[in-house]
């Protein structure tokens, strides 16, 4: 069983979530390739796919959307899990929902076996200046909101779903 854990990150938080998923799946005996979507990895050689994307301006990263469109034939023919990473996912008012994830999944004929929206971080030193100005004007809460144990728990639940 081989799984590609492919991710698109903006400031690095999504990478840490993808790494946690990869390590947890490996602990379950799954062969894993961890791949940055900026390098356009080929999912065809894998039995399943985990796709993760950072969320910026209520959208998945463009590289994640383009990669999914390019490899759509593979993604619809294998078990697929999708996760997002966003500072706004830590907002309890959202109830675990993420417009960006819903929009991404609504734009393509994907049927993931699992979907999860995880909190990331909003660390001003990792964000470009023009985005910092916007975030400050919106009074966006800053900090590291990641819950890596929750990510690992999701990956443990995910392992049997990917091996169907």
N, C-alpha and C. Protein backbone atom coordinates (compact mmCIF):
# COMPACT_ATOMS: atom_id res chain seq x y z
N UNK A 1 0.84 -1.18 0.00
CA UNK A 1 0.00 0.00 0.00
C UNK A 1 0.88 1.23 0.00
N UNK A 2 0.68 2.09 -0.96
CA UNK A 2 1.47 3.31 -1.08
C UNK A 2 0.53 4.52 -1.14
N UNK A 3 0.84 5.52 -0.33
CA UNK A 3 0.04 6.74 -0.27
C UNK A 3 0.94 7.93 -0.51
N UNK A 4 0.49 8.85 -1.35
CA UNK A 4 1.17 10.13 -1.49
C UNK A 4 0.44 11.14 -0.62
N UNK A 5 1.18 11.81 0.24
CA UNK A 5 0.65 12.91 1.04
C UNK A 5 1.20 14.18 0.40
N UNK A 6 0.37 14.82 -0.40
CA UNK A 6 0.79 15.97 -1.19
C UNK A 6 0.18 17.24 -0.58
N UNK A 7 0.98 18.28 -0.50
CA UNK A 7 0.52 19.49 0.19
C UNK A 7 0.98 20.75 -0.52
N UNK A 8 0.19 21.81 -0.32
CA UNK A 8 0.54 23.16 -0.77
C UNK A 8 0.54 24.04 0.47
N UNK A 9 1.63 24.73 0.68
CA UNK A 9 1.75 25.54 1.88
C UNK A 9 2.09 26.98 1.52
N UNK A 10 1.73 27.87 2.41
CA UNK A 10 2.03 29.29 2.20
C UNK A 10 3.12 29.73 3.17
N UNK A 11 2.93 29.42 4.44
CA UNK A 11 3.89 29.86 5.44
C UNK A 11 4.55 28.70 6.18
N UNK A 12 4.22 27.46 5.80
CA UNK A 12 4.86 26.30 6.39
C UNK A 12 3.99 25.47 7.31
N UNK A 13 2.87 26.00 7.77
CA UNK A 13 2.02 25.24 8.70
C UNK A 13 1.44 23.99 8.04
N UNK A 14 1.02 24.10 6.79
CA UNK A 14 0.44 22.94 6.11
C UNK A 14 1.46 21.83 5.98
N UNK A 15 2.71 22.19 5.76
CA UNK A 15 3.77 21.18 5.69
C UNK A 15 3.83 20.39 7.01
N UNK A 16 3.74 21.09 8.14
CA UNK A 16 3.83 20.39 9.42
C UNK A 16 2.65 19.43 9.61
N UNK A 17 1.49 19.81 9.12
CA UNK A 17 0.33 18.92 9.21
C UNK A 17 0.53 17.71 8.30
N UNK A 18 1.01 17.95 7.09
CA UNK A 18 1.26 16.85 6.15
C UNK A 18 2.33 15.90 6.70
N UNK A 19 3.35 16.44 7.31
CA UNK A 19 4.39 15.60 7.92
C UNK A 19 3.80 14.73 9.02
N UNK A 20 2.91 15.30 9.81
CA UNK A 20 2.26 14.54 10.89
C UNK A 20 1.41 13.42 10.31
N UNK A 21 0.66 13.71 9.25
CA UNK A 21 -0.14 12.68 8.59
C UNK A 21 0.78 11.58 8.06
N UNK A 22 1.86 11.96 7.39
CA UNK A 22 2.78 10.98 6.80
C UNK A 22 3.39 10.08 7.86
N UNK A 23 3.91 10.66 8.93
CA UNK A 23 4.53 9.87 10.00
C UNK A 23 3.51 8.91 10.63
N UNK A 24 2.32 9.40 10.86
CA UNK A 24 1.28 8.58 11.49
C UNK A 24 0.89 7.41 10.58
N UNK A 25 0.76 7.66 9.27
CA UNK A 25 0.44 6.57 8.34
C UNK A 25 1.58 5.56 8.29
N UNK A 26 2.81 6.05 8.30
CA UNK A 26 3.96 5.14 8.31
C UNK A 26 3.96 4.26 9.55
N UNK A 27 3.58 4.82 10.69
CA UNK A 27 3.48 4.04 11.93
C UNK A 27 2.42 2.94 11.81
N UNK A 28 1.49 3.12 10.89
CA UNK A 28 0.45 2.13 10.62
C UNK A 28 0.86 1.14 9.53
N UNK A 29 2.12 1.21 9.10
CA UNK A 29 2.63 0.27 8.10
C UNK A 29 2.39 0.67 6.66
N UNK A 30 1.98 1.90 6.44
CA UNK A 30 1.71 2.39 5.09
C UNK A 30 2.99 3.01 4.52
N UNK A 31 3.28 2.69 3.28
CA UNK A 31 4.41 3.33 2.57
C UNK A 31 3.93 4.71 2.14
N UNK A 32 4.70 5.74 2.48
CA UNK A 32 4.26 7.12 2.23
C UNK A 32 5.32 7.91 1.48
N UNK A 33 4.85 8.68 0.49
CA UNK A 33 5.69 9.71 -0.14
C UNK A 33 5.11 11.05 0.28
N UNK A 34 5.92 11.87 0.92
CA UNK A 34 5.53 13.24 1.29
C UNK A 34 5.99 14.14 0.16
N UNK A 35 5.08 14.93 -0.41
CA UNK A 35 5.43 15.71 -1.59
C UNK A 35 4.84 17.11 -1.55
N UNK A 36 5.68 18.09 -1.83
CA UNK A 36 5.26 19.48 -1.96
C UNK A 36 4.68 19.65 -3.36
N UNK A 37 3.46 20.16 -3.45
CA UNK A 37 2.81 20.32 -4.75
C UNK A 37 3.54 21.31 -5.65
N UNK A 38 4.36 22.17 -5.08
CA UNK A 38 5.15 23.09 -5.89
C UNK A 38 6.11 22.33 -6.81
N UNK A 39 6.39 21.07 -6.46
CA UNK A 39 7.29 20.23 -7.27
C UNK A 39 6.52 19.34 -8.23
N UNK A 40 5.20 19.49 -8.31
CA UNK A 40 4.31 18.76 -9.21
C UNK A 40 4.54 17.24 -9.17
N UNK A 41 4.36 16.62 -8.02
CA UNK A 41 4.56 15.17 -7.93
C UNK A 41 3.49 14.41 -8.71
N UNK A 42 3.83 13.22 -9.15
CA UNK A 42 2.90 12.38 -9.91
C UNK A 42 2.24 11.39 -8.96
N UNK A 43 0.92 11.48 -8.79
CA UNK A 43 0.24 10.56 -7.87
C UNK A 43 -0.04 9.19 -8.48
N UNK A 44 0.22 9.02 -9.76
CA UNK A 44 -0.18 7.80 -10.47
C UNK A 44 0.44 6.53 -9.90
N UNK A 45 1.61 6.61 -9.31
CA UNK A 45 2.27 5.42 -8.78
C UNK A 45 1.84 5.03 -7.38
N UNK A 46 0.78 5.64 -6.88
CA UNK A 46 0.33 5.39 -5.51
C UNK A 46 -1.08 4.83 -5.49
N UNK A 47 -1.39 4.10 -4.42
CA UNK A 47 -2.70 3.47 -4.28
C UNK A 47 -3.75 4.42 -3.72
N UNK A 48 -3.30 5.49 -3.05
CA UNK A 48 -4.22 6.45 -2.44
C UNK A 48 -3.53 7.80 -2.35
N UNK A 49 -4.34 8.84 -2.13
CA UNK A 49 -3.83 10.21 -2.09
C UNK A 49 -4.41 10.94 -0.89
N UNK A 50 -3.54 11.67 -0.18
CA UNK A 50 -3.98 12.63 0.83
C UNK A 50 -3.53 13.99 0.30
N UNK A 51 -4.47 14.89 0.12
CA UNK A 51 -4.19 16.21 -0.45
C UNK A 51 -4.48 17.27 0.60
N UNK A 52 -3.47 18.07 0.91
CA UNK A 52 -3.63 19.15 1.88
C UNK A 52 -3.28 20.49 1.27
N UNK A 53 -4.02 21.51 1.66
CA UNK A 53 -3.75 22.85 1.15
C UNK A 53 -3.94 23.89 2.24
N UNK A 54 -3.06 24.88 2.20
CA UNK A 54 -3.26 26.07 3.00
C UNK A 54 -4.45 26.83 2.42
N UNK A 55 -5.06 27.64 3.26
CA UNK A 55 -6.17 28.49 2.82
C UNK A 55 -5.72 29.93 2.93
N UNK A 56 -5.88 30.65 1.83
CA UNK A 56 -5.57 32.09 1.79
C UNK A 56 -6.71 32.79 1.10
N UNK A 57 -7.18 33.85 1.70
CA UNK A 57 -8.27 34.65 1.12
C UNK A 57 -9.44 33.74 0.74
N UNK A 58 -9.81 32.84 1.67
CA UNK A 58 -10.95 31.94 1.49
C UNK A 58 -10.82 31.02 0.28
N UNK A 59 -9.59 30.67 -0.10
CA UNK A 59 -9.36 29.78 -1.24
C UNK A 59 -8.23 28.81 -0.96
N UNK A 60 -8.31 27.62 -1.57
CA UNK A 60 -7.17 26.71 -1.56
C UNK A 60 -6.04 27.37 -2.36
N UNK A 61 -4.81 26.98 -2.05
CA UNK A 61 -3.66 27.47 -2.82
C UNK A 61 -3.85 27.11 -4.29
N UNK A 62 -3.50 28.03 -5.17
CA UNK A 62 -3.67 27.80 -6.61
C UNK A 62 -2.94 26.56 -7.08
N UNK A 63 -1.75 26.32 -6.54
CA UNK A 63 -1.00 25.15 -6.96
C UNK A 63 -1.74 23.86 -6.62
N UNK A 64 -2.47 23.84 -5.51
CA UNK A 64 -3.26 22.65 -5.13
C UNK A 64 -4.43 22.45 -6.09
N UNK A 65 -5.11 23.53 -6.41
CA UNK A 65 -6.26 23.45 -7.33
C UNK A 65 -5.78 23.00 -8.71
N UNK A 66 -4.71 23.60 -9.21
CA UNK A 66 -4.21 23.23 -10.53
C UNK A 66 -3.71 21.79 -10.57
N UNK A 67 -3.04 21.35 -9.49
CA UNK A 67 -2.56 19.98 -9.42
C UNK A 67 -3.72 19.00 -9.44
N UNK A 68 -4.76 19.30 -8.68
CA UNK A 68 -5.93 18.42 -8.65
C UNK A 68 -6.58 18.34 -10.02
N UNK A 69 -6.69 19.47 -10.70
CA UNK A 69 -7.27 19.45 -12.05
C UNK A 69 -6.41 18.66 -13.02
N UNK A 70 -5.10 18.83 -12.92
CA UNK A 70 -4.17 18.12 -13.81
C UNK A 70 -4.23 16.60 -13.59
N UNK A 71 -4.39 16.19 -12.36
CA UNK A 71 -4.36 14.76 -12.01
C UNK A 71 -5.73 14.22 -11.64
N UNK A 72 -6.76 14.86 -12.13
CA UNK A 72 -8.13 14.50 -11.78
C UNK A 72 -8.43 13.03 -12.06
N UNK A 73 -7.94 12.50 -13.19
CA UNK A 73 -8.21 11.10 -13.53
C UNK A 73 -7.68 10.15 -12.46
N UNK A 74 -6.53 10.48 -11.88
CA UNK A 74 -5.96 9.65 -10.82
C UNK A 74 -6.75 9.85 -9.52
N UNK A 75 -7.07 11.08 -9.20
CA UNK A 75 -7.74 11.38 -7.93
C UNK A 75 -9.13 10.76 -7.83
N UNK A 76 -9.82 10.61 -8.95
CA UNK A 76 -11.15 10.01 -8.91
C UNK A 76 -11.09 8.48 -8.95
N UNK A 77 -9.93 7.92 -9.22
CA UNK A 77 -9.81 6.46 -9.34
C UNK A 77 -9.20 5.79 -8.12
N UNK A 78 -8.88 6.57 -7.09
CA UNK A 78 -8.24 6.04 -5.89
C UNK A 78 -8.89 6.65 -4.64
N UNK A 79 -8.70 6.00 -3.50
CA UNK A 79 -9.15 6.66 -2.27
C UNK A 79 -8.41 7.99 -2.10
N UNK A 80 -9.16 9.01 -1.75
CA UNK A 80 -8.63 10.37 -1.61
C UNK A 80 -9.12 10.94 -0.29
N UNK A 81 -8.21 11.56 0.44
CA UNK A 81 -8.56 12.33 1.63
C UNK A 81 -8.06 13.74 1.41
N UNK A 82 -8.81 14.72 1.92
CA UNK A 82 -8.48 16.12 1.72
C UNK A 82 -8.48 16.83 3.06
N UNK A 83 -7.46 17.68 3.26
CA UNK A 83 -7.47 18.53 4.45
C UNK A 83 -7.04 19.94 4.09
N UNK A 84 -7.51 20.87 4.89
CA UNK A 84 -7.09 22.26 4.74
C UNK A 84 -6.41 22.70 6.03
N UNK A 85 -5.65 23.78 5.91
CA UNK A 85 -4.93 24.35 7.05
C UNK A 85 -5.14 25.85 7.00
N UNK A 86 -5.74 26.38 8.07
CA UNK A 86 -6.06 27.80 8.08
C UNK A 86 -6.07 28.32 9.50
N UNK A 87 -5.56 29.51 9.68
CA UNK A 87 -5.66 30.15 10.99
C UNK A 87 -7.10 30.33 11.40
N UNK A 88 -7.98 30.56 10.44
CA UNK A 88 -9.39 30.79 10.77
C UNK A 88 -10.11 29.52 11.20
N UNK A 89 -9.55 28.36 10.94
CA UNK A 89 -10.19 27.10 11.34
C UNK A 89 -10.23 26.95 12.85
N UNK A 90 -9.47 27.77 13.56
CA UNK A 90 -9.48 27.70 15.02
C UNK A 90 -10.69 28.43 15.62
N UNK A 91 -11.44 29.14 14.79
CA UNK A 91 -12.61 29.89 15.25
C UNK A 91 -13.75 28.94 15.56
N UNK A 92 -14.16 28.82 16.82
CA UNK A 92 -15.23 27.89 17.18
C UNK A 92 -16.55 28.19 16.46
N UNK A 93 -16.76 29.43 16.05
CA UNK A 93 -17.99 29.79 15.36
C UNK A 93 -18.11 29.09 14.01
N UNK A 94 -16.98 28.67 13.45
CA UNK A 94 -17.01 27.99 12.15
C UNK A 94 -17.48 26.54 12.26
N UNK A 95 -17.42 25.97 13.45
CA UNK A 95 -17.89 24.60 13.64
C UNK A 95 -17.19 23.59 12.77
N UNK A 96 -15.92 23.81 12.48
CA UNK A 96 -15.16 22.88 11.65
C UNK A 96 -15.38 23.05 10.16
N UNK A 97 -16.21 23.99 9.76
CA UNK A 97 -16.47 24.24 8.34
C UNK A 97 -15.44 25.20 7.77
N UNK A 98 -15.20 25.08 6.47
CA UNK A 98 -14.26 25.95 5.79
C UNK A 98 -14.79 26.19 4.38
N UNK A 99 -15.13 27.45 4.07
CA UNK A 99 -15.65 27.79 2.75
C UNK A 99 -14.71 27.36 1.64
N UNK A 100 -13.42 27.53 1.87
CA UNK A 100 -12.43 27.19 0.84
C UNK A 100 -12.48 25.71 0.50
N UNK A 101 -12.60 24.87 1.50
CA UNK A 101 -12.68 23.42 1.25
C UNK A 101 -13.96 23.08 0.50
N UNK A 102 -15.06 23.65 0.95
CA UNK A 102 -16.33 23.40 0.28
C UNK A 102 -16.29 23.85 -1.18
N UNK A 103 -15.70 25.01 -1.43
CA UNK A 103 -15.60 25.53 -2.80
C UNK A 103 -14.70 24.64 -3.66
N UNK A 104 -13.57 24.22 -3.09
CA UNK A 104 -12.66 23.34 -3.83
C UNK A 104 -13.36 22.03 -4.20
N UNK A 105 -13.98 21.40 -3.23
CA UNK A 105 -14.65 20.12 -3.50
C UNK A 105 -15.85 20.29 -4.42
N UNK A 106 -16.50 21.45 -4.34
CA UNK A 106 -17.63 21.70 -5.21
C UNK A 106 -17.25 21.98 -6.65
N UNK A 107 -15.98 22.31 -6.87
CA UNK A 107 -15.53 22.67 -8.22
C UNK A 107 -15.03 21.47 -9.02
N UNK A 108 -14.85 20.34 -8.38
CA UNK A 108 -14.32 19.16 -9.05
C UNK A 108 -15.15 17.94 -8.67
N UNK A 109 -15.19 16.94 -9.53
CA UNK A 109 -15.99 15.74 -9.23
C UNK A 109 -15.24 14.75 -8.33
N UNK A 110 -14.78 15.24 -7.19
CA UNK A 110 -14.04 14.40 -6.25
C UNK A 110 -14.97 13.84 -5.19
N UNK A 111 -14.70 12.63 -4.75
CA UNK A 111 -15.47 11.99 -3.69
C UNK A 111 -14.50 11.49 -2.61
N UNK A 112 -14.01 12.40 -1.78
CA UNK A 112 -13.04 11.98 -0.77
C UNK A 112 -13.65 11.05 0.28
N UNK A 113 -12.80 10.14 0.77
CA UNK A 113 -13.22 9.25 1.84
C UNK A 113 -13.23 9.98 3.18
N UNK A 114 -12.49 11.09 3.24
CA UNK A 114 -12.44 11.89 4.47
C UNK A 114 -12.03 13.32 4.13
N UNK A 115 -12.58 14.26 4.88
CA UNK A 115 -12.26 15.68 4.72
C UNK A 115 -12.13 16.28 6.11
N UNK A 116 -11.10 17.10 6.32
CA UNK A 116 -10.92 17.74 7.62
C UNK A 116 -10.31 19.13 7.42
N UNK A 117 -10.77 20.05 8.21
CA UNK A 117 -10.25 21.42 8.23
C UNK A 117 -9.51 21.62 9.55
N UNK A 118 -8.21 21.83 9.47
CA UNK A 118 -7.39 21.97 10.67
C UNK A 118 -6.93 23.41 10.86
N UNK A 119 -6.82 23.82 12.11
CA UNK A 119 -6.21 25.13 12.38
C UNK A 119 -4.72 25.10 12.04
N UNK A 120 -4.24 26.22 11.57
CA UNK A 120 -2.81 26.37 11.28
C UNK A 120 -2.21 27.41 12.20
N UNK A 121 -1.51 28.35 11.60
CA UNK A 121 -0.97 29.44 12.39
C UNK A 121 -1.13 30.74 11.63
N UNK A 122 -1.13 31.81 12.35
CA UNK A 122 -1.05 33.15 11.77
C UNK A 122 0.13 33.80 12.50
N UNK A 123 1.30 33.65 11.91
CA UNK A 123 2.53 34.18 12.47
C UNK A 123 3.01 35.29 11.54
N UNK A 124 2.90 36.51 11.98
CA UNK A 124 3.18 37.66 11.13
C UNK A 124 4.57 37.62 10.49
N UNK A 125 5.55 37.08 11.19
CA UNK A 125 6.90 37.05 10.62
C UNK A 125 7.01 36.08 9.45
N UNK A 126 6.01 35.21 9.24
CA UNK A 126 6.03 34.26 8.14
C UNK A 126 5.12 34.68 6.99
N UNK A 127 4.52 35.85 7.12
CA UNK A 127 3.54 36.32 6.14
C UNK A 127 4.08 37.54 5.42
N UNK A 128 3.90 37.62 4.08
CA UNK A 128 4.36 38.79 3.34
C UNK A 128 3.74 40.08 3.87
N UNK A 129 4.49 41.15 3.74
CA UNK A 129 4.10 42.45 4.29
C UNK A 129 2.70 42.87 3.87
N UNK A 130 2.36 42.77 2.58
CA UNK A 130 1.04 43.23 2.13
C UNK A 130 -0.09 42.43 2.79
N UNK A 131 0.15 41.17 3.09
CA UNK A 131 -0.86 40.36 3.76
C UNK A 131 -0.93 40.70 5.25
N UNK A 132 0.22 41.04 5.84
CA UNK A 132 0.24 41.43 7.25
C UNK A 132 -0.63 42.66 7.48
N UNK A 133 -0.52 43.62 6.57
CA UNK A 133 -1.30 44.85 6.69
C UNK A 133 -2.79 44.53 6.68
N UNK A 134 -3.19 43.67 5.75
CA UNK A 134 -4.60 43.29 5.66
C UNK A 134 -5.05 42.56 6.93
N UNK A 135 -4.25 41.60 7.37
CA UNK A 135 -4.62 40.83 8.56
C UNK A 135 -4.72 41.71 9.80
N UNK A 136 -3.80 42.67 9.92
CA UNK A 136 -3.86 43.59 11.06
C UNK A 136 -5.10 44.47 10.98
N UNK A 137 -5.45 44.93 9.78
CA UNK A 137 -6.63 45.78 9.64
C UNK A 137 -7.91 45.01 9.95
N UNK A 138 -7.89 43.70 9.74
CA UNK A 138 -9.05 42.86 10.05
C UNK A 138 -9.04 42.36 11.49
N UNK A 139 -7.99 42.77 12.22
CA UNK A 139 -7.82 42.33 13.61
C UNK A 139 -7.83 40.80 13.74
N UNK A 140 -7.14 40.17 12.79
CA UNK A 140 -7.04 38.72 12.79
C UNK A 140 -6.22 38.25 13.99
N UNK A 141 -6.74 37.29 14.75
CA UNK A 141 -5.95 36.76 15.87
C UNK A 141 -4.67 36.10 15.35
N UNK A 142 -3.59 36.30 16.07
CA UNK A 142 -2.32 35.71 15.67
C UNK A 142 -1.91 34.64 16.67
N UNK A 143 -1.10 33.72 16.19
CA UNK A 143 -0.59 32.67 17.04
C UNK A 143 -0.50 31.35 16.30
N UNK A 144 -0.04 30.35 17.01
CA UNK A 144 0.07 28.99 16.49
C UNK A 144 -1.12 28.21 17.03
N UNK A 145 -2.05 27.90 16.16
CA UNK A 145 -3.29 27.24 16.55
C UNK A 145 -3.30 25.75 16.20
N UNK A 146 -2.17 25.25 15.70
CA UNK A 146 -2.12 23.84 15.27
C UNK A 146 -2.38 22.90 16.44
N UNK A 147 -3.05 21.80 16.13
CA UNK A 147 -3.29 20.73 17.10
C UNK A 147 -2.79 19.44 16.45
N UNK A 148 -1.48 19.21 16.54
CA UNK A 148 -0.87 18.07 15.87
C UNK A 148 -1.39 16.73 16.41
N UNK A 149 -1.71 16.60 17.71
CA UNK A 149 -2.34 15.35 18.14
C UNK A 149 -3.68 15.08 17.44
N UNK A 150 -4.45 16.11 17.15
CA UNK A 150 -5.71 15.93 16.42
C UNK A 150 -5.44 15.50 14.98
N UNK A 151 -4.38 16.04 14.39
CA UNK A 151 -4.00 15.64 13.02
C UNK A 151 -3.60 14.17 13.01
N UNK A 152 -2.80 13.76 13.99
CA UNK A 152 -2.37 12.36 14.08
C UNK A 152 -3.57 11.44 14.30
N UNK A 153 -4.51 11.86 15.14
CA UNK A 153 -5.71 11.05 15.38
C UNK A 153 -6.50 10.87 14.08
N UNK A 154 -6.63 11.94 13.31
CA UNK A 154 -7.32 11.86 12.02
C UNK A 154 -6.60 10.90 11.09
N UNK A 155 -5.29 10.97 11.05
CA UNK A 155 -4.51 10.08 10.18
C UNK A 155 -4.69 8.62 10.61
N UNK A 156 -4.78 8.36 11.90
CA UNK A 156 -5.01 6.98 12.37
C UNK A 156 -6.39 6.49 11.90
N UNK A 157 -7.40 7.36 11.96
CA UNK A 157 -8.73 7.01 11.45
C UNK A 157 -8.71 6.82 9.94
N UNK A 158 -7.88 7.57 9.29
CA UNK A 158 -7.80 7.59 7.84
C UNK A 158 -7.18 6.33 7.26
N UNK A 159 -6.19 5.78 7.93
CA UNK A 159 -5.42 4.65 7.39
C UNK A 159 -6.30 3.54 6.81
N UNK A 160 -7.28 3.02 7.54
CA UNK A 160 -8.08 1.94 6.95
C UNK A 160 -8.96 2.41 5.79
N UNK A 161 -9.34 3.68 5.77
CA UNK A 161 -10.18 4.19 4.68
C UNK A 161 -9.38 4.29 3.38
N UNK A 162 -8.08 4.49 3.50
CA UNK A 162 -7.23 4.60 2.31
C UNK A 162 -6.86 3.24 1.73
N UNK A 163 -7.00 2.21 2.53
CA UNK A 163 -6.58 0.89 2.08
C UNK A 163 -7.73 0.03 1.56
N UNK A 164 -8.90 0.62 1.39
CA UNK A 164 -10.06 -0.14 0.88
C UNK A 164 -9.84 -0.57 -0.55
